[in-house]
Amino acid sequence: MNGTSLISSTLLPLPSQPNWQMVSVADVNADNKPDLVWRNQASGQNSVWLMNGMTRLSNTTLPTLSDIDFQLASFADFNGDAKPDIVWRNKSSGENLIWFMNGAKLVSIAALPSQPDLNWQIGSAKDFDQDGKAEILWRNRSSGENVIWKLSLTEVGSEIEPANTDFFAEPLRDEAQTEGKNMIWFIDSNSPATTLADKAQTEGRNMILFIDSILPVNSRADEAQTQTKNMILFLDSQAVSQDSN
């Protein structure tokens, strides 16, 4: 992309069966290039396409999580080892898990406190306070409330307690969300969200993208997108994936 203008699009290979759905983009093998993460909605198998830009280099297998109610919510480094970990949320029970990873290898599993109110959805996980470890951003799709969990990573048995569930619990504006529109919030450490008009925010800041109840971006305007194909949109030199169903 160049601003809001599409520069080019590139088709990727189709997955082997339609049960495979793209669920995340993350640098799984730490080569500073985004990889594509897939989950089989029937079997609970998980896989990664290791990418070099728009070229798929190879496939690698992640551990299977057979309970298909668990949804991959985000990749982020929760323990400060510079390797992305995985946070899962169970869409039926409200259970939450962190998989501590070393590339595609599962090192250990820790349980987060359950959040049985299913209106609460994990929007993202980022290092908001810049301490080297990610926090979890929650959004209530019913009330519009937003909360960040800062994790202490003090394990009690197999559980991890949030150090402060009120961290950055400032309400965010909801006008576009209630109308089903897409929004970008620019977050500079603990600063409140600002408008897109502030161009200074485009440099060196973290972004949270709220997309229609946190669904993947999917431009239906492009005729090619109506076909069951996977595409990568290019944002200057950085690739951002899309899975168009």
C-alpha atoms as a PDB file:
ATOM      1  CA  MET A   1       0.000   0.000   0.000  1.00  0.00           C
ATOM      2  CA  ASN A   2       0.892   3.648  -0.516  1.00  0.00           C
ATOM      3  CA  GLY A   3      -1.361   5.364   2.001  1.00  0.00           C
ATOM      4  CA  THR A   4      -4.796   4.122   0.991  1.00  0.00           C
ATOM      5  CA  SER A   5      -3.711   3.179  -2.542  1.00  0.00           C
ATOM      6  CA  LEU A   6      -3.073  -0.440  -3.487  1.00  0.00           C
ATOM      7  CA  ILE A   7       0.313  -0.777  -5.212  1.00  0.00           C
ATOM      8  CA  SER A   8       0.307  -4.481  -6.026  1.00  0.00           C
ATOM      9  CA  SER A   9      -0.993  -7.862  -4.925  1.00  0.00           C
ATOM     10  CA  THR A  10       0.545 -11.315  -5.130  1.00  0.00           C
ATOM     11  CA  LEU A  11      -1.255 -14.648  -5.006  1.00  0.00           C
ATOM     12  CA  LEU A  12       0.013 -17.321  -2.618  1.00  0.00           C
ATOM     13  CA  PRO A  13      -0.486 -21.072  -2.984  1.00  0.00           C
ATOM     14  CA  LEU A  14      -3.801 -22.420  -1.754  1.00  0.00           C
ATOM     15  CA  PRO A  15      -3.742 -24.575   1.407  1.00  0.00           C
ATOM     16  CA  SER A  16      -4.224 -28.309   0.933  1.00  0.00           C
ATOM     17  CA  GLN A  17      -7.824 -28.246   2.212  1.00  0.00           C
ATOM     18  CA  PRO A  18     -10.361 -25.550   3.111  1.00  0.00           C
ATOM     19  CA  ASN A  19     -10.262 -26.428   6.833  1.00  0.00           C
ATOM     20  CA  TRP A  20      -6.891 -24.706   6.996  1.00  0.00           C
ATOM     21  CA  GLN A  21      -7.404 -21.044   7.890  1.00  0.00           C
ATOM     22  CA  MET A  22      -4.792 -18.322   8.244  1.00  0.00           C
ATOM     23  CA  VAL A  23      -4.889 -17.139  11.854  1.00  0.00           C
ATOM     24  CA  SER A  24      -1.826 -14.955  12.340  1.00  0.00           C
ATOM     25  CA  VAL A  25       1.317 -13.400  10.894  1.00  0.00           C
ATOM     26  CA  ALA A  26       4.470 -13.627  13.007  1.00  0.00           C
ATOM     27  CA  ASP A  27       8.234 -13.907  12.637  1.00  0.00           C
ATOM     28  CA  VAL A  28       8.293 -17.496  13.904  1.00  0.00           C
ATOM     29  CA  ASN A  29      11.888 -18.325  12.937  1.00  0.00           C
ATOM     30  CA  ALA A  30      13.359 -14.948  13.974  1.00  0.00           C
ATOM     31  CA  ASP A  31      14.730 -14.025  10.550  1.00  0.00           C
ATOM     32  CA  ASN A  32      13.014 -10.602  10.642  1.00  0.00           C
ATOM     33  CA  LYS A  33      10.560 -11.724   7.966  1.00  0.00           C
ATOM     34  CA  PRO A  34       6.857 -12.324   8.631  1.00  0.00           C
ATOM     35  CA  ASP A  35       5.636 -15.912   8.396  1.00  0.00           C
ATOM     36  CA  LEU A  36       2.061 -17.132   7.930  1.00  0.00           C
ATOM     37  CA  VAL A  37       0.408 -19.202  10.664  1.00  0.00           C
ATOM     38  CA  TRP A  38      -2.395 -21.636   9.858  1.00  0.00           C
ATOM     39  CA  ARG A  39      -4.863 -23.603  12.014  1.00  0.00           C
ATOM     40  CA  ASN A  40      -6.977 -26.545  10.904  1.00  0.00           C
ATOM     41  CA  GLN A  41     -10.497 -25.816  12.145  1.00  0.00           C
ATOM     42  CA  ALA A  42     -11.440 -29.506  12.044  1.00  0.00           C
ATOM     43  CA  SER A  43      -8.408 -31.289  13.515  1.00  0.00           C
ATOM     44  CA  GLY A  44      -6.740 -28.613  15.647  1.00  0.00           C
ATOM     45  CA  GLN A  45      -3.455 -28.999  13.768  1.00  0.00           C
ATOM     46  CA  ASN A  46      -1.275 -25.915  13.418  1.00  0.00           C
ATOM     47  CA  SER A  47       1.292 -25.068  10.767  1.00  0.00           C
ATOM     48  CA  VAL A  48       3.600 -22.249   9.697  1.00  0.00           C
ATOM     49  CA  TRP A  49       4.575 -21.181   6.227  1.00  0.00           C
ATOM     50  CA  LEU A  50       8.098 -19.815   6.548  1.00  0.00           C
ATOM     51  CA  MET A  51       8.305 -16.905   4.148  1.00  0.00           C
ATOM     52  CA  ASN A  52      10.902 -14.819   2.378  1.00  0.00           C
ATOM     53  CA  GLY A  53       8.841 -11.793   1.458  1.00  0.00           C
ATOM     54  CA  MET A  54       6.123 -13.144  -0.829  1.00  0.00           C
ATOM     55  CA  THR A  55       7.882 -16.490  -1.428  1.00  0.00           C
ATOM     56  CA  ARG A  56       7.021 -19.532   0.669  1.00  0.00           C
ATOM     57  CA  LEU A  57      10.261 -21.265   1.637  1.00  0.00           C
ATOM     58  CA  SER A  58       8.920 -24.235   3.575  1.00  0.00           C
ATOM     59  CA  ASN A  59       6.247 -25.523   5.917  1.00  0.00           C
ATOM     60  CA  THR A  60       6.860 -26.345   9.553  1.00  0.00           C
ATOM     61  CA  THR A  61       4.506 -27.940  12.052  1.00  0.00           C
ATOM     62  CA  LEU A  62       3.408 -26.403  15.330  1.00  0.00           C
ATOM     63  CA  PRO A  63       2.019 -28.611  18.106  1.00  0.00           C
ATOM     64  CA  THR A  64      -1.602 -29.635  17.714  1.00  0.00           C
ATOM     65  CA  LEU A  65      -4.262 -28.166  20.018  1.00  0.00           C
ATOM     66  CA  SER A  66      -7.122 -30.568  19.393  1.00  0.00           C
ATOM     67  CA  ASP A  67      -9.785 -28.525  21.188  1.00  0.00           C
ATOM     68  CA  ILE A  68     -10.892 -26.414  18.227  1.00  0.00           C
ATOM     69  CA  ASP A  69     -12.655 -23.964  20.545  1.00  0.00           C
ATOM     70  CA  PHE A  70      -9.195 -22.600  21.327  1.00  0.00           C
ATOM     71  CA  GLN A  71      -8.419 -19.752  18.962  1.00  0.00           C
ATOM     72  CA  LEU A  72      -4.975 -18.301  18.394  1.00  0.00           C
ATOM     73  CA  ALA A  73      -5.322 -14.759  19.689  1.00  0.00           C
ATOM     74  CA  SER A  74      -1.852 -13.299  19.179  1.00  0.00           C
ATOM     75  CA  PHE A  75       1.894 -13.852  18.877  1.00  0.00           C
ATOM     76  CA  ALA A  76       4.103 -11.819  21.244  1.00  0.00           C
ATOM     77  CA  ASP A  77       7.181 -12.171  23.420  1.00  0.00           C
ATOM     78  CA  PHE A  78       5.842 -12.635  26.949  1.00  0.00           C
ATOM     79  CA  ASN A  79       9.029 -13.737  28.733  1.00  0.00           C
ATOM     80  CA  GLY A  80      11.588 -11.383  27.193  1.00  0.00           C
ATOM     81  CA  ASP A  81      13.629 -13.980  25.296  1.00  0.00           C
ATOM     82  CA  ALA A  82      13.117 -12.180  21.955  1.00  0.00           C
ATOM     83  CA  LYS A  83      11.117 -15.149  20.628  1.00  0.00           C
ATOM     84  CA  PRO A  84       7.390 -14.888  19.866  1.00  0.00           C
ATOM     85  CA  ASP A  85       5.065 -16.860  22.125  1.00  0.00           C
ATOM     86  CA  ILE A  86       1.405 -17.686  21.487  1.00  0.00           C
ATOM     87  CA  VAL A  87      -1.642 -16.651  23.504  1.00  0.00           C
ATOM     88  CA  TRP A  88      -4.793 -18.744  23.053  1.00  0.00           C
ATOM     89  CA  ARG A  89      -8.392 -18.038  24.074  1.00  0.00           C
ATOM     90  CA  ASN A  90     -11.175 -20.608  24.289  1.00  0.00           C
ATOM     91  CA  LYS A  91     -14.253 -19.155  22.610  1.00  0.00           C
ATOM     92  CA  SER A  92     -16.610 -21.402  24.614  1.00  0.00           C
ATOM     93  CA  SER A  93     -15.132 -21.679  28.125  1.00  0.00           C
ATOM     94  CA  GLY A  94     -13.206 -18.402  28.389  1.00  0.00           C
ATOM     95  CA  GLU A  95      -9.960 -20.222  29.256  1.00  0.00           C
ATOM     96  CA  ASN A  96      -6.702 -18.525  28.244  1.00  0.00           C
ATOM     97  CA  LEU A  97      -3.263 -20.062  27.696  1.00  0.00           C
ATOM     98  CA  ILE A  98       0.238 -18.966  26.804  1.00  0.00           C
ATOM     99  CA  TRP A  99       2.515 -21.256  24.847  1.00  0.00           C
ATOM    100  CA  PHE A 100       6.148 -20.288  25.447  1.00  0.00           C
ATOM    101  CA  MET A 101       7.921 -21.025  22.189  1.00  0.00           C
ATOM    102  CA  ASN A 102      11.396 -21.458  20.767  1.00  0.00           C
ATOM    103  CA  GLY A 103      10.662 -20.960  17.100  1.00  0.00           C
ATOM    104  CA  ALA A 104       8.138 -23.669  16.183  1.00  0.00           C
ATOM    105  CA  LYS A 105       9.024 -25.751  19.256  1.00  0.00           C
ATOM    106  CA  LEU A 106       6.745 -25.628  22.297  1.00  0.00           C
ATOM    107  CA  VAL A 107       8.825 -25.111  25.461  1.00  0.00           C
ATOM    108  CA  SER A 108       6.118 -24.842  28.131  1.00  0.00           C
ATOM    109  CA  ILE A 109       2.474 -23.964  28.716  1.00  0.00           C
ATOM    110  CA  ALA A 110       1.050 -21.586  31.314  1.00  0.00           C
ATOM    111  CA  ALA A 111      -2.593 -20.900  32.153  1.00  0.00           C
ATOM    112  CA  LEU A 112      -3.818 -17.323  32.418  1.00  0.00           C
ATOM    113  CA  PRO A 113      -6.835 -16.483  34.560  1.00  0.00           C
ATOM    114  CA  SER A 114     -10.062 -17.436  32.868  1.00  0.00           C
ATOM    115  CA  GLN A 115     -12.343 -14.731  31.481  1.00  0.00           C
ATOM    116  CA  PRO A 116     -15.760 -16.463  31.206  1.00  0.00           C
ATOM    117  CA  ASP A 117     -17.503 -13.363  29.848  1.00  0.00           C
ATOM    118  CA  LEU A 118     -17.143 -14.146  26.151  1.00  0.00           C
ATOM    119  CA  ASN A 119     -17.827 -10.542  25.215  1.00  0.00           C
ATOM    120  CA  TRP A 120     -14.211  -9.938  26.210  1.00  0.00           C
ATOM    121  CA  GLN A 121     -11.943 -10.635  23.259  1.00  0.00           C
ATOM    122  CA  ILE A 122      -8.162 -10.483  23.015  1.00  0.00           C
ATOM    123  CA  GLY A 123      -7.447  -7.731  20.530  1.00  0.00           C
ATOM    124  CA  SER A 124      -3.680  -7.977  20.495  1.00  0.00           C
ATOM    125  CA  ALA A 125      -0.560  -8.492  22.583  1.00  0.00           C
ATOM    126  CA  LYS A 126       2.189  -5.862  22.454  1.00  0.00           C
ATOM    127  CA  ASP A 127       4.897  -4.411  24.671  1.00  0.00           C
ATOM    128  CA  PHE A 128       2.938  -1.276  25.561  1.00  0.00           C
ATOM    129  CA  ASP A 129       5.142  -0.159  28.466  1.00  0.00           C
ATOM    130  CA  GLN A 130       8.402  -1.046  26.659  1.00  0.00           C
ATOM    131  CA  ASP A 131       9.761  -3.308  29.395  1.00  0.00           C
ATOM    132  CA  GLY A 132      10.678  -6.061  26.937  1.00  0.00           C
ATOM    133  CA  LYS A 133       7.629  -8.216  27.698  1.00  0.00           C
ATOM    134  CA  ALA A 134       4.231  -8.120  26.050  1.00  0.00           C
ATOM    135  CA  GLU A 135       0.941  -7.145  27.665  1.00  0.00           C
ATOM    136  CA  ILE A 136      -2.493  -8.341  26.523  1.00  0.00           C
ATOM    137  CA  LEU A 137      -5.059  -5.914  25.154  1.00  0.00           C
ATOM    138  CA  TRP A 138      -8.696  -6.855  25.812  1.00  0.00           C
ATOM    139  CA  ARG A 139     -11.809  -5.338  24.257  1.00  0.00           C
ATOM    140  CA  ASN A 140     -15.404  -5.917  25.333  1.00  0.00           C
ATOM    141  CA  ARG A 141     -17.424  -6.108  22.134  1.00  0.00           C
ATOM    142  CA  SER A 142     -20.657  -5.419  24.036  1.00  0.00           C
ATOM    143  CA  SER A 143     -19.743  -2.498  26.291  1.00  0.00           C
ATOM    144  CA  GLY A 144     -16.798  -1.066  24.338  1.00  0.00           C
ATOM    145  CA  GLU A 145     -14.533  -1.260  27.427  1.00  0.00           C
ATOM    146  CA  ASN A 146     -10.804  -1.782  26.847  1.00  0.00           C
ATOM    147  CA  VAL A 147      -8.267  -3.159  29.337  1.00  0.00           C
ATOM    148  CA  ILE A 148      -4.613  -4.137  29.184  1.00  0.00           C
ATOM    149  CA  TRP A 149      -3.299  -6.995  31.307  1.00  0.00           C
ATOM    150  CA  LYS A 150       0.293  -6.528  32.418  1.00  0.00           C
ATOM    151  CA  LEU A 151       1.586  -9.983  33.357  1.00  0.00           C
ATOM    152  CA  SER A 152       3.952 -10.545  36.257  1.00  0.00           C
ATOM    153  CA  LEU A 153       4.993 -13.970  34.906  1.00  0.00           C
ATOM    154  CA  THR A 154       5.162 -15.208  38.497  1.00  0.00           C
ATOM    155  CA  GLU A 155       4.026 -18.779  38.101  1.00  0.00           C
ATOM    156  CA  VAL A 156       1.805 -20.339  40.764  1.00  0.00           C
ATOM    157  CA  GLY A 157       1.699 -23.982  39.771  1.00  0.00           C
ATOM    158  CA  SER A 158       0.898 -23.697  36.069  1.00  0.00           C
ATOM    159  CA  GLU A 159      -0.886 -20.363  36.340  1.00  0.00           C
ATOM    160  CA  ILE A 160       0.277 -16.833  35.627  1.00  0.00           C
ATOM    161  CA  GLU A 161      -1.335 -13.964  37.478  1.00  0.00           C
ATOM    162  CA  PRO A 162      -1.835 -10.583  35.836  1.00  0.00           C
ATOM    163  CA  ALA A 163       0.143  -7.969  37.742  1.00  0.00           C
ATOM    164  CA  ASN A 164      -2.350  -5.228  36.980  1.00  0.00           C
ATOM    165  CA  THR A 165      -5.524  -5.717  34.985  1.00  0.00           C
ATOM    166  CA  ASP A 166      -6.318  -1.987  35.083  1.00  0.00           C
ATOM    167  CA  PHE A 167      -3.139  -0.950  33.265  1.00  0.00           C
ATOM    168  CA  PHE A 168      -4.068   1.510  30.528  1.00  0.00           C
ATOM    169  CA  ALA A 169      -7.783   0.867  31.106  1.00  0.00           C
ATOM    170  CA  GLU A 170      -8.739   4.204  29.600  1.00  0.00           C
ATOM    171  CA  PRO A 171     -11.869   4.049  27.445  1.00  0.00           C
ATOM    172  CA  LEU A 172     -11.238   4.326  23.724  1.00  0.00           C
ATOM    173  CA  ARG A 173     -13.628   6.004  21.327  1.00  0.00           C
ATOM    174  CA  ASP A 174     -16.280   3.713  19.877  1.00  0.00           C
ATOM    175  CA  GLU A 175     -18.052   5.678  17.148  1.00  0.00           C
ATOM    176  CA  ALA A 176     -16.572   3.789  14.222  1.00  0.00           C
ATOM    177  CA  GLN A 177     -16.677   0.462  16.055  1.00  0.00           C
ATOM    178  CA  THR A 178     -20.421   0.706  16.649  1.00  0.00           C
ATOM    179  CA  GLU A 179     -20.899   1.341  12.937  1.00  0.00           C
ATOM    180  CA  GLY A 180     -18.778  -1.643  11.900  1.00  0.00           C
ATOM    181  CA  LYS A 181     -16.012   0.509  10.436  1.00  0.00           C
ATOM    182  CA  ASN A 182     -12.264  -0.072  10.575  1.00  0.00           C
ATOM    183  CA  MET A 183     -10.058   2.083  12.788  1.00  0.00           C
ATOM    184  CA  ILE A 184      -6.387   2.472  13.647  1.00  0.00           C
ATOM    185  CA  TRP A 185      -5.413   3.629  17.129  1.00  0.00           C
ATOM    186  CA  PHE A 186      -1.880   4.938  17.551  1.00  0.00           C
ATOM    187  CA  ILE A 187      -0.427   4.180  20.977  1.00  0.00           C
ATOM    188  CA  ASP A 188       2.792   5.777  22.201  1.00  0.00           C
ATOM    189  CA  SER A 189       3.665   3.890  25.404  1.00  0.00           C
ATOM    190  CA  ASN A 190       0.992   5.012  27.897  1.00  0.00           C
ATOM    191  CA  SER A 191      -0.360   7.903  25.867  1.00  0.00           C
ATOM    192  CA  PRO A 192      -4.024   7.886  24.879  1.00  0.00           C
ATOM    193  CA  ALA A 193      -5.017   7.176  21.293  1.00  0.00           C
ATOM    194  CA  THR A 194      -4.785  10.037  18.838  1.00  0.00           C
ATOM    195  CA  THR A 195      -6.287  10.710  15.448  1.00  0.00           C
ATOM    196  CA  LEU A 196      -4.873   9.673  12.102  1.00  0.00           C
ATOM    197  CA  ALA A 197      -4.402  13.340  11.252  1.00  0.00           C
ATOM    198  CA  ASP A 198      -1.315  13.507  13.461  1.00  0.00           C
ATOM    199  CA  LYS A 199       1.313  12.403  10.955  1.00  0.00           C
ATOM    200  CA  ALA A 200       4.025  12.404  13.584  1.00  0.00           C
ATOM    201  CA  GLN A 201       2.385   9.285  14.979  1.00  0.00           C
ATOM    202  CA  THR A 202       3.431   7.324  11.916  1.00  0.00           C
ATOM    203  CA  GLU A 203       7.071   7.257  13.013  1.00  0.00           C
ATOM    204  CA  GLY A 204       8.348   4.765  15.541  1.00  0.00           C
ATOM    205  CA  ARG A 205       5.044   4.123  17.304  1.00  0.00           C
ATOM    206  CA  ASN A 206       3.056   1.019  18.088  1.00  0.00           C
ATOM    207  CA  MET A 207      -0.289   0.563  16.370  1.00  0.00           C
ATOM    208  CA  ILE A 208      -3.407  -1.357  17.335  1.00  0.00           C
ATOM    209  CA  LEU A 209      -5.795  -2.149  14.520  1.00  0.00           C
ATOM    210  CA  PHE A 210      -9.430  -2.764  15.466  1.00  0.00           C
ATOM    211  CA  ILE A 211     -11.150  -4.449  12.540  1.00  0.00           C
ATOM    212  CA  ASP A 212     -14.873  -5.110  12.799  1.00  0.00           C
ATOM    213  CA  SER A 213     -14.886  -7.015  16.116  1.00  0.00           C
ATOM    214  CA  ILE A 214     -11.214  -7.888  15.569  1.00  0.00           C
ATOM    215  CA  LEU A 215     -11.715  -9.837  12.361  1.00  0.00           C
ATOM    216  CA  PRO A 216      -8.906  -9.968   9.769  1.00  0.00           C
ATOM    217  CA  VAL A 217      -8.701  -7.187   7.206  1.00  0.00           C
ATOM    218  CA  ASN A 218     -10.548  -8.240   4.070  1.00  0.00           C
ATOM    219  CA  SER A 219     -11.147  -5.855   1.179  1.00  0.00           C
ATOM    220  CA  ARG A 220     -14.151  -7.120  -0.754  1.00  0.00           C
ATOM    221  CA  ALA A 221     -13.973  -4.239  -3.220  1.00  0.00           C
ATOM    222  CA  ASP A 222     -11.193  -5.900  -5.164  1.00  0.00           C
ATOM    223  CA  GLU A 223     -12.767  -8.397  -7.565  1.00  0.00           C
ATOM    224  CA  ALA A 224      -9.898 -10.845  -7.124  1.00  0.00           C
ATOM    225  CA  GLN A 225     -10.588 -10.916  -3.402  1.00  0.00           C
ATOM    226  CA  THR A 226     -13.997 -12.508  -3.970  1.00  0.00           C
ATOM    227  CA  GLN A 227     -12.268 -15.695  -5.046  1.00  0.00           C
ATOM    228  CA  THR A 228     -10.951 -18.177  -2.493  1.00  0.00           C
ATOM    229  CA  LYS A 229      -7.340 -17.081  -2.747  1.00  0.00           C
ATOM    230  CA  ASN A 230      -4.708 -15.783  -0.364  1.00  0.00           C
ATOM    231  CA  MET A 231      -3.059 -12.469  -1.020  1.00  0.00           C
ATOM    232  CA  ILE A 232      -0.301 -10.283   0.398  1.00  0.00           C
ATOM    233  CA  LEU A 233      -0.706  -6.522   0.336  1.00  0.00           C
ATOM    234  CA  PHE A 234       2.525  -4.578   0.259  1.00  0.00           C
ATOM    235  CA  LEU A 235       2.889  -1.583   2.562  1.00  0.00           C
ATOM    236  CA  ASP A 236       5.932   0.119   1.057  1.00  0.00           C
ATOM    237  CA  SER A 237       8.589  -2.555   1.751  1.00  0.00           C
ATOM    238  CA  GLN A 238       6.696  -4.451   4.458  1.00  0.00           C
ATOM    239  CA  ALA A 239       4.325  -7.299   3.588  1.00  0.00           C
ATOM    240  CA  VAL A 240       1.020  -7.608   5.388  1.00  0.00           C
ATOM    241  CA  SER A 241      -0.977 -10.786   4.813  1.00  0.00           C
ATOM    242  CA  GLN A 242      -4.645 -11.239   4.064  1.00  0.00           C
ATOM    243  CA  ASP A 243      -6.737 -14.382   3.982  1.00  0.00           C
ATOM    244  CA  SER A 244      -9.740 -13.808   1.765  1.00  0.00           C
ATOM    245  CA  ASN A 245     -12.475 -16.381   2.019  1.00  0.00           C
END
